[in-house]
Amino acid sequence: MKLDLTVNGVKIGIEIVVPAPECRFRVNGVERLALVKMVEPGVYSLLLDGRVYEARIDRAGTSLVVLIAGERFEVVVRYPRSWSRKSVPGSQGIATIAAPMPGKVVRILVAPGDSVEAGQGLVVVEAMKMQNEMKSLKAGRVVEVRTRPDAAVLAGEALVIVE
């Protein structure tokens, strides 16, 4: 999954090859590995390049504020595909419903093959002690559920595919 990040005003493209906990990702064409563990909602332990980091993530409007080793990073996440015609409610094609921020899956409300309406709840994700219901962007059929209850998810991680 490709994401466009803006970190403290600098644009960065990232591709998540394998999601957490054994996260493989590419930045500027270089593949990296990070072990990610949610310690508590909004707090993650990261093992990257042999070093352990604690990341605290809070929401600030449409941005995320990430604190690592005393440094503050303001991060805006944009999902390039989320604004395509395919994901506009009522459109044709496939819609990918993704986690808006890191969290934990609390409940899955649908199963593959279920018919859904636009705006229907699909998955409940807890982030920063708040439960957020991820809703279908369009009417259609659930093709795939890519998560499970109690799974830790990263921002932008695909949860449900609807066609």
N, C-alpha and C. Protein backbone atom coordinates (compact mmCIF):
# COMPACT_ATOMS: atom_id res chain seq x y z
N MET A 1 0.84 -1.16 0.00
CA MET A 1 0.00 0.00 0.00
C MET A 1 0.90 1.23 0.00
N LYS A 2 0.59 2.17 -0.87
CA LYS A 2 1.38 3.40 -0.97
C LYS A 2 0.69 4.52 -0.19
N LEU A 3 1.53 5.32 0.49
CA LEU A 3 1.04 6.46 1.25
C LEU A 3 1.89 7.66 0.89
N ASP A 4 1.27 8.82 0.90
CA ASP A 4 1.99 10.08 0.77
C ASP A 4 1.97 10.72 2.14
N LEU A 5 3.15 10.93 2.72
CA LEU A 5 3.26 11.56 4.04
C LEU A 5 3.85 12.95 3.89
N THR A 6 3.41 13.84 4.73
CA THR A 6 4.06 15.13 4.88
C THR A 6 4.49 15.19 6.33
N VAL A 7 5.81 15.18 6.56
CA VAL A 7 6.38 15.17 7.91
C VAL A 7 7.07 16.51 8.14
N ASN A 8 6.52 17.30 9.05
CA ASN A 8 7.03 18.64 9.34
C ASN A 8 7.23 19.44 8.04
N GLY A 9 6.26 19.31 7.13
CA GLY A 9 6.29 20.08 5.89
C GLY A 9 7.05 19.44 4.75
N VAL A 10 7.72 18.31 4.97
CA VAL A 10 8.48 17.64 3.92
C VAL A 10 7.69 16.44 3.41
N LYS A 11 7.49 16.36 2.09
CA LYS A 11 6.73 15.26 1.50
C LYS A 11 7.61 14.03 1.34
N ILE A 12 7.04 12.88 1.74
CA ILE A 12 7.74 11.60 1.66
C ILE A 12 6.76 10.56 1.13
N GLY A 13 7.19 9.79 0.15
CA GLY A 13 6.39 8.66 -0.34
C GLY A 13 6.87 7.41 0.36
N ILE A 14 5.93 6.59 0.80
CA ILE A 14 6.28 5.34 1.48
C ILE A 14 5.36 4.25 0.95
N GLU A 15 5.92 3.06 0.83
CA GLU A 15 5.12 1.91 0.42
C GLU A 15 5.24 0.87 1.51
N ILE A 16 4.11 0.47 2.08
CA ILE A 16 4.11 -0.58 3.10
C ILE A 16 3.97 -1.90 2.36
N VAL A 17 5.02 -2.71 2.43
CA VAL A 17 5.06 -4.00 1.73
C VAL A 17 4.38 -5.06 2.58
N VAL A 18 4.71 -5.11 3.88
CA VAL A 18 4.10 -6.03 4.83
C VAL A 18 3.75 -5.21 6.07
N PRO A 19 2.48 -5.24 6.52
CA PRO A 19 2.10 -4.44 7.68
C PRO A 19 2.65 -5.01 8.99
N ALA A 20 2.48 -4.25 10.06
CA ALA A 20 2.95 -4.66 11.40
C ALA A 20 2.35 -6.02 11.76
N PRO A 21 2.99 -6.77 12.60
CA PRO A 21 4.06 -6.37 13.50
C PRO A 21 5.46 -6.44 12.86
N GLU A 22 5.67 -7.29 11.88
CA GLU A 22 6.97 -7.34 11.21
C GLU A 22 6.86 -6.52 9.93
N CYS A 23 6.89 -5.22 10.09
CA CYS A 23 6.61 -4.27 9.01
C CYS A 23 7.80 -4.15 8.06
N ARG A 24 7.54 -4.38 6.78
CA ARG A 24 8.52 -4.10 5.74
C ARG A 24 7.97 -2.95 4.93
N PHE A 25 8.84 -1.95 4.68
CA PHE A 25 8.37 -0.78 3.94
C PHE A 25 9.50 -0.25 3.06
N ARG A 26 9.12 0.54 2.05
CA ARG A 26 10.09 1.16 1.15
C ARG A 26 9.95 2.67 1.22
N VAL A 27 11.11 3.32 1.36
CA VAL A 27 11.18 4.77 1.29
C VAL A 27 12.28 5.09 0.29
N ASN A 28 11.96 5.89 -0.72
CA ASN A 28 12.92 6.22 -1.78
C ASN A 28 13.54 4.98 -2.40
N GLY A 29 12.72 3.93 -2.58
CA GLY A 29 13.18 2.70 -3.23
C GLY A 29 13.99 1.77 -2.35
N VAL A 30 14.26 2.16 -1.10
CA VAL A 30 15.06 1.33 -0.19
C VAL A 30 14.10 0.61 0.76
N GLU A 31 14.19 -0.75 0.76
CA GLU A 31 13.32 -1.53 1.64
C GLU A 31 13.93 -1.63 3.03
N ARG A 32 13.08 -1.45 4.05
CA ARG A 32 13.52 -1.50 5.45
C ARG A 32 12.60 -2.43 6.21
N LEU A 33 13.06 -2.85 7.40
CA LEU A 33 12.28 -3.71 8.28
C LEU A 33 12.19 -3.04 9.64
N ALA A 34 10.99 -3.04 10.22
CA ALA A 34 10.79 -2.51 11.57
C ALA A 34 9.83 -3.45 12.28
N LEU A 35 10.14 -3.81 13.49
CA LEU A 35 9.23 -4.57 14.33
C LEU A 35 8.41 -3.57 15.12
N VAL A 36 7.09 -3.70 15.06
CA VAL A 36 6.18 -2.73 15.67
C VAL A 36 5.26 -3.46 16.65
N LYS A 37 5.16 -2.93 17.86
CA LYS A 37 4.27 -3.52 18.86
C LYS A 37 3.51 -2.39 19.55
N MET A 38 2.18 -2.52 19.62
CA MET A 38 1.39 -1.54 20.34
C MET A 38 1.49 -1.86 21.83
N VAL A 39 2.03 -0.92 22.60
CA VAL A 39 2.19 -1.08 24.04
C VAL A 39 0.86 -0.77 24.73
N GLU A 40 0.21 0.26 24.26
CA GLU A 40 -1.12 0.67 24.70
C GLU A 40 -1.67 1.54 23.57
N PRO A 41 -2.97 1.81 23.55
CA PRO A 41 -3.49 2.64 22.47
C PRO A 41 -2.73 3.96 22.36
N GLY A 42 -2.23 4.23 21.17
CA GLY A 42 -1.51 5.47 20.92
C GLY A 42 -0.03 5.42 21.26
N VAL A 43 0.46 4.30 21.80
CA VAL A 43 1.88 4.17 22.14
C VAL A 43 2.42 2.88 21.51
N TYR A 44 3.52 3.03 20.76
CA TYR A 44 4.11 1.91 20.03
C TYR A 44 5.58 1.77 20.36
N SER A 45 6.05 0.53 20.39
CA SER A 45 7.46 0.24 20.54
C SER A 45 7.95 -0.19 19.16
N LEU A 46 9.03 0.44 18.68
CA LEU A 46 9.57 0.16 17.35
C LEU A 46 11.00 -0.32 17.47
N LEU A 47 11.33 -1.39 16.76
CA LEU A 47 12.72 -1.84 16.66
C LEU A 47 13.12 -1.59 15.21
N LEU A 48 14.05 -0.66 15.01
CA LEU A 48 14.48 -0.26 13.68
C LEU A 48 15.99 -0.10 13.69
N ASP A 49 16.66 -0.80 12.79
CA ASP A 49 18.12 -0.72 12.69
C ASP A 49 18.81 -1.01 14.02
N GLY A 50 18.29 -2.00 14.77
CA GLY A 50 18.92 -2.40 16.02
C GLY A 50 18.66 -1.47 17.19
N ARG A 51 17.86 -0.45 17.00
CA ARG A 51 17.55 0.49 18.08
C ARG A 51 16.06 0.43 18.39
N VAL A 52 15.73 0.61 19.66
CA VAL A 52 14.33 0.59 20.09
C VAL A 52 13.87 2.03 20.31
N TYR A 53 12.69 2.34 19.79
CA TYR A 53 12.10 3.66 19.93
C TYR A 53 10.69 3.51 20.50
N GLU A 54 10.28 4.49 21.29
CA GLU A 54 8.89 4.57 21.73
C GLU A 54 8.26 5.71 20.94
N ALA A 55 7.15 5.42 20.29
CA ALA A 55 6.44 6.44 19.52
C ALA A 55 5.07 6.67 20.15
N ARG A 56 4.79 7.92 20.48
CA ARG A 56 3.47 8.31 21.00
C ARG A 56 2.76 9.08 19.89
N ILE A 57 1.55 8.65 19.60
CA ILE A 57 0.83 9.23 18.48
C ILE A 57 -0.48 9.83 18.97
N ASP A 58 -0.68 11.11 18.67
CA ASP A 58 -1.91 11.81 19.02
C ASP A 58 -2.47 12.47 17.77
N ARG A 59 -3.76 12.65 17.75
CA ARG A 59 -4.42 13.33 16.63
C ARG A 59 -4.48 14.82 16.93
N ALA A 60 -4.19 15.63 15.91
CA ALA A 60 -4.28 17.09 16.03
C ALA A 60 -4.98 17.59 14.77
N GLY A 61 -6.30 17.66 14.82
CA GLY A 61 -7.06 18.06 13.64
C GLY A 61 -6.95 16.98 12.58
N THR A 62 -6.47 17.36 11.39
CA THR A 62 -6.32 16.39 10.31
C THR A 62 -4.92 15.79 10.27
N SER A 63 -4.08 16.15 11.24
CA SER A 63 -2.71 15.65 11.31
C SER A 63 -2.55 14.68 12.47
N LEU A 64 -1.43 13.99 12.46
CA LEU A 64 -1.01 13.18 13.58
C LEU A 64 0.23 13.84 14.16
N VAL A 65 0.33 13.85 15.47
CA VAL A 65 1.53 14.34 16.13
C VAL A 65 2.23 13.11 16.70
N VAL A 66 3.46 12.89 16.26
CA VAL A 66 4.23 11.73 16.69
C VAL A 66 5.41 12.22 17.52
N LEU A 67 5.53 11.69 18.73
CA LEU A 67 6.64 12.04 19.61
C LEU A 67 7.57 10.84 19.71
N ILE A 68 8.83 11.03 19.31
CA ILE A 68 9.85 9.98 19.38
C ILE A 68 11.11 10.59 19.96
N ALA A 69 11.59 10.01 21.06
CA ALA A 69 12.83 10.46 21.71
C ALA A 69 12.84 11.97 21.94
N GLY A 70 11.72 12.51 22.38
CA GLY A 70 11.64 13.92 22.68
C GLY A 70 11.45 14.83 21.48
N GLU A 71 11.45 14.27 20.27
CA GLU A 71 11.24 15.08 19.07
C GLU A 71 9.79 14.97 18.63
N ARG A 72 9.26 16.09 18.17
CA ARG A 72 7.86 16.17 17.74
C ARG A 72 7.81 16.23 16.22
N PHE A 73 7.00 15.34 15.64
CA PHE A 73 6.81 15.31 14.20
C PHE A 73 5.33 15.48 13.90
N GLU A 74 4.99 16.45 13.06
CA GLU A 74 3.61 16.60 12.62
C GLU A 74 3.50 15.88 11.29
N VAL A 75 2.59 14.91 11.24
CA VAL A 75 2.48 14.04 10.06
C VAL A 75 1.08 14.13 9.48
N VAL A 76 1.02 14.38 8.19
CA VAL A 76 -0.24 14.34 7.45
C VAL A 76 -0.15 13.14 6.52
N VAL A 77 -1.13 12.24 6.62
CA VAL A 77 -1.13 11.02 5.81
C VAL A 77 -2.19 11.17 4.73
N ARG A 78 -1.78 10.92 3.49
CA ARG A 78 -2.73 10.94 2.38
C ARG A 78 -2.62 9.61 1.67
N TYR A 79 -3.75 9.02 1.40
CA TYR A 79 -3.82 7.74 0.70
C TYR A 79 -4.09 8.05 -0.76
N PRO A 80 -3.09 7.94 -1.63
CA PRO A 80 -3.28 8.33 -3.02
C PRO A 80 -4.50 7.72 -3.68
N ARG A 81 -4.80 6.48 -3.36
CA ARG A 81 -5.93 5.80 -4.00
C ARG A 81 -7.26 6.20 -3.39
N SER A 82 -7.25 6.74 -2.17
CA SER A 82 -8.52 7.03 -1.50
C SER A 82 -9.29 8.15 -2.18
N TRP A 83 -8.62 8.95 -2.99
CA TRP A 83 -9.32 10.04 -3.65
C TRP A 83 -9.61 9.74 -5.11
N SER A 84 -9.38 8.50 -5.52
CA SER A 84 -9.65 8.13 -6.91
C SER A 84 -11.15 7.92 -7.10
N ARG A 85 -11.57 7.86 -8.35
CA ARG A 85 -12.98 7.63 -8.64
C ARG A 85 -13.47 6.32 -8.04
N LYS A 86 -12.58 5.35 -7.90
CA LYS A 86 -12.98 4.05 -7.40
C LYS A 86 -13.50 4.09 -5.97
N SER A 87 -13.08 5.07 -5.19
CA SER A 87 -13.49 5.08 -3.78
C SER A 87 -14.55 6.13 -3.46
N VAL A 88 -15.08 6.79 -4.46
CA VAL A 88 -16.14 7.77 -4.22
C VAL A 88 -17.45 7.02 -4.00
N PRO A 89 -18.21 7.36 -2.93
CA PRO A 89 -19.46 6.65 -2.68
C PRO A 89 -20.34 6.60 -3.92
N GLY A 90 -20.89 5.40 -4.16
CA GLY A 90 -21.77 5.21 -5.30
C GLY A 90 -21.04 4.93 -6.59
N SER A 91 -19.70 4.93 -6.58
CA SER A 91 -18.96 4.71 -7.81
C SER A 91 -18.83 3.23 -8.11
N GLN A 92 -18.31 2.94 -9.27
CA GLN A 92 -18.04 1.57 -9.68
C GLN A 92 -16.65 1.19 -9.21
N GLY A 93 -16.33 -0.09 -9.23
CA GLY A 93 -14.99 -0.52 -8.88
C GLY A 93 -14.85 -0.94 -7.44
N ILE A 94 -13.62 -0.91 -6.96
CA ILE A 94 -13.29 -1.41 -5.63
C ILE A 94 -13.00 -0.26 -4.68
N ALA A 95 -13.49 -0.38 -3.44
CA ALA A 95 -13.20 0.60 -2.39
C ALA A 95 -12.42 -0.10 -1.29
N THR A 96 -11.30 0.49 -0.90
CA THR A 96 -10.50 -0.04 0.20
C THR A 96 -10.75 0.82 1.42
N ILE A 97 -11.23 0.19 2.49
CA ILE A 97 -11.47 0.90 3.73
C ILE A 97 -10.24 0.67 4.60
N ALA A 98 -9.57 1.78 4.96
CA ALA A 98 -8.29 1.70 5.67
C ALA A 98 -8.39 2.35 7.04
N ALA A 99 -7.49 1.94 7.93
CA ALA A 99 -7.42 2.54 9.26
C ALA A 99 -6.95 3.99 9.13
N PRO A 100 -7.64 4.94 9.73
CA PRO A 100 -7.23 6.34 9.61
C PRO A 100 -6.00 6.69 10.45
N MET A 101 -5.73 5.86 11.46
CA MET A 101 -4.59 6.08 12.34
C MET A 101 -4.26 4.75 13.01
N PRO A 102 -3.10 4.65 13.63
CA PRO A 102 -2.75 3.40 14.31
C PRO A 102 -3.75 3.09 15.42
N GLY A 103 -4.03 1.82 15.63
CA GLY A 103 -4.97 1.44 16.68
C GLY A 103 -5.10 -0.06 16.78
N LYS A 104 -6.18 -0.49 17.42
CA LYS A 104 -6.46 -1.91 17.64
C LYS A 104 -7.86 -2.21 17.16
N VAL A 105 -8.01 -3.30 16.41
CA VAL A 105 -9.32 -3.71 15.91
C VAL A 105 -10.12 -4.28 17.09
N VAL A 106 -11.29 -3.70 17.34
CA VAL A 106 -12.14 -4.12 18.44
C VAL A 106 -13.18 -5.13 17.96
N ARG A 107 -13.83 -4.83 16.83
CA ARG A 107 -14.89 -5.70 16.29
C ARG A 107 -14.87 -5.65 14.77
N ILE A 108 -15.24 -6.77 14.18
CA ILE A 108 -15.46 -6.82 12.74
C ILE A 108 -16.96 -7.05 12.55
N LEU A 109 -17.60 -6.18 11.79
CA LEU A 109 -19.05 -6.19 11.68
C LEU A 109 -19.56 -6.88 10.42
N VAL A 110 -18.66 -7.28 9.52
CA VAL A 110 -19.06 -7.92 8.27
C VAL A 110 -18.16 -9.12 7.98
N ALA A 111 -18.58 -9.92 7.01
CA ALA A 111 -17.79 -11.07 6.57
C ALA A 111 -17.72 -11.05 5.04
N PRO A 112 -16.72 -11.70 4.45
CA PRO A 112 -16.65 -11.76 2.98
C PRO A 112 -17.97 -12.30 2.42
N GLY A 113 -18.44 -11.64 1.36
CA GLY A 113 -19.69 -12.03 0.73
C GLY A 113 -20.89 -11.23 1.18
N ASP A 114 -20.80 -10.53 2.32
CA ASP A 114 -21.91 -9.73 2.81
C ASP A 114 -22.19 -8.55 1.89
N SER A 115 -23.46 -8.23 1.69
CA SER A 115 -23.85 -7.02 0.97
C SER A 115 -23.86 -5.87 1.97
N VAL A 116 -23.36 -4.71 1.54
CA VAL A 116 -23.31 -3.54 2.42
C VAL A 116 -23.85 -2.32 1.68
N GLU A 117 -24.32 -1.37 2.46
CA GLU A 117 -24.80 -0.10 1.94
C GLU A 117 -23.75 0.97 2.20
N ALA A 118 -23.78 2.04 1.43
CA ALA A 118 -22.87 3.17 1.68
C ALA A 118 -23.14 3.69 3.08
N GLY A 119 -22.08 3.89 3.85
CA GLY A 119 -22.20 4.40 5.20
C GLY A 119 -22.40 3.33 6.27
N GLN A 120 -22.52 2.07 5.86
CA GLN A 120 -22.68 0.98 6.83
C GLN A 120 -21.36 0.69 7.54
N GLY A 121 -21.42 0.43 8.83
CA GLY A 121 -20.23 0.10 9.61
C GLY A 121 -19.64 -1.24 9.20
N LEU A 122 -18.31 -1.29 9.10
CA LEU A 122 -17.61 -2.52 8.70
C LEU A 122 -16.70 -3.05 9.79
N VAL A 123 -15.93 -2.15 10.41
CA VAL A 123 -14.93 -2.52 11.41
C VAL A 123 -14.88 -1.43 12.46
N VAL A 124 -14.66 -1.81 13.72
CA VAL A 124 -14.49 -0.83 14.80
C VAL A 124 -13.03 -0.88 15.23
N VAL A 125 -12.35 0.28 15.17
CA VAL A 125 -10.94 0.40 15.54
C VAL A 125 -10.84 1.34 16.74
N GLU A 126 -10.10 0.91 17.76
CA GLU A 126 -9.87 1.76 18.92
C GLU A 126 -8.52 2.45 18.76
N ALA A 127 -8.54 3.76 18.90
CA ALA A 127 -7.32 4.56 18.84
C ALA A 127 -7.43 5.67 19.87
N MET A 128 -6.41 5.84 20.66
CA MET A 128 -6.39 6.89 21.70
C MET A 128 -7.62 6.80 22.60
N LYS A 129 -7.97 5.59 22.99
CA LYS A 129 -9.08 5.30 23.91
C LYS A 129 -10.45 5.68 23.34
N MET A 130 -10.52 5.86 22.03
CA MET A 130 -11.80 6.13 21.38
C MET A 130 -12.06 5.06 20.34
N GLN A 131 -13.32 4.62 20.23
CA GLN A 131 -13.66 3.63 19.23
C GLN A 131 -14.22 4.33 18.00
N ASN A 132 -13.65 3.98 16.83
CA ASN A 132 -14.05 4.59 15.56
C ASN A 132 -14.60 3.51 14.65
N GLU A 133 -15.81 3.73 14.15
CA GLU A 133 -16.41 2.77 13.23
C GLU A 133 -16.03 3.15 11.81
N MET A 134 -15.34 2.25 11.12
CA MET A 134 -14.96 2.46 9.73
C MET A 134 -16.16 2.05 8.88
N LYS A 135 -16.61 2.96 8.02
CA LYS A 135 -17.83 2.73 7.25
C LYS A 135 -17.54 2.51 5.78
N SER A 136 -18.46 1.83 5.12
CA SER A 136 -18.32 1.56 3.70
C SER A 136 -18.46 2.87 2.92
N LEU A 137 -17.59 3.03 1.94
CA LEU A 137 -17.63 4.22 1.09
C LEU A 137 -18.70 4.10 0.01
N LYS A 138 -19.19 2.87 -0.20
CA LYS A 138 -20.15 2.65 -1.29
C LYS A 138 -21.00 1.43 -0.98
N ALA A 139 -22.08 1.31 -1.69
CA ALA A 139 -22.89 0.09 -1.62
C ALA A 139 -22.18 -0.97 -2.44
N GLY A 140 -22.22 -2.19 -1.97
CA GLY A 140 -21.57 -3.26 -2.72
C GLY A 140 -21.50 -4.54 -1.92
N ARG A 141 -20.48 -5.34 -2.21
CA ARG A 141 -20.27 -6.63 -1.57
C ARG A 141 -18.88 -6.67 -0.96
N VAL A 142 -18.77 -7.20 0.25
CA VAL A 142 -17.47 -7.34 0.90
C VAL A 142 -16.70 -8.45 0.19
N VAL A 143 -15.56 -8.09 -0.38
CA VAL A 143 -14.72 -9.05 -1.10
C VAL A 143 -13.74 -9.69 -0.14
N GLU A 144 -13.18 -8.89 0.78
CA GLU A 144 -12.13 -9.39 1.64
C GLU A 144 -12.11 -8.61 2.95
N VAL A 145 -11.89 -9.32 4.05
CA VAL A 145 -11.63 -8.70 5.35
C VAL A 145 -10.17 -9.00 5.65
N ARG A 146 -9.34 -7.96 5.74
CA ARG A 146 -7.90 -8.14 5.87
C ARG A 146 -7.38 -7.98 7.30
N THR A 147 -8.25 -8.07 8.28
CA THR A 147 -7.83 -7.92 9.66
C THR A 147 -8.59 -8.90 10.52
N ARG A 148 -8.31 -8.89 11.81
CA ARG A 148 -8.99 -9.77 12.76
C ARG A 148 -9.15 -9.01 14.08
N PRO A 149 -10.07 -9.46 14.94
CA PRO A 149 -10.22 -8.80 16.24
C PRO A 149 -8.91 -8.85 17.03
N ASP A 150 -8.64 -7.78 17.76
CA ASP A 150 -7.44 -7.61 18.60
C ASP A 150 -6.17 -7.36 17.80
N ALA A 151 -6.26 -7.23 16.47
CA ALA A 151 -5.07 -6.95 15.66
C ALA A 151 -4.67 -5.49 15.82
N ALA A 152 -3.38 -5.25 15.91
CA ALA A 152 -2.85 -3.88 15.89
C ALA A 152 -2.74 -3.46 14.43
N VAL A 153 -3.23 -2.27 14.09
CA VAL A 153 -3.19 -1.80 12.72
C VAL A 153 -2.47 -0.45 12.65
N LEU A 154 -1.85 -0.21 11.51
CA LEU A 154 -1.15 1.05 11.27
C LEU A 154 -2.03 1.99 10.47
N ALA A 155 -1.72 3.26 10.52
CA ALA A 155 -2.45 4.24 9.71
C ALA A 155 -2.33 3.85 8.25
N GLY A 156 -3.45 3.81 7.56
CA GLY A 156 -3.45 3.48 6.14
C GLY A 156 -3.54 2.01 5.82
N GLU A 157 -3.50 1.17 6.83
CA GLU A 157 -3.56 -0.28 6.60
C GLU A 157 -4.96 -0.66 6.13
N ALA A 158 -5.04 -1.42 5.04
CA ALA A 158 -6.32 -1.86 4.50
C ALA A 158 -7.02 -2.80 5.48
N LEU A 159 -8.28 -2.55 5.75
CA LEU A 159 -9.05 -3.38 6.67
C LEU A 159 -10.08 -4.23 5.95
N VAL A 160 -10.82 -3.59 5.02
CA VAL A 160 -11.89 -4.27 4.29
C VAL A 160 -11.90 -3.79 2.85
N ILE A 161 -12.15 -4.71 1.93
CA ILE A 161 -12.28 -4.39 0.51
C ILE A 161 -13.72 -4.61 0.10
N VAL A 162 -14.33 -3.59 -0.52
CA VAL A 162 -15.73 -3.66 -0.98
C VAL A 162 -15.74 -3.40 -2.48
N GLU A 163 -16.50 -4.24 -3.22
CA GLU A 163 -16.65 -3.98 -4.66
C GLU A 163 -18.11 -3.80 -5.01
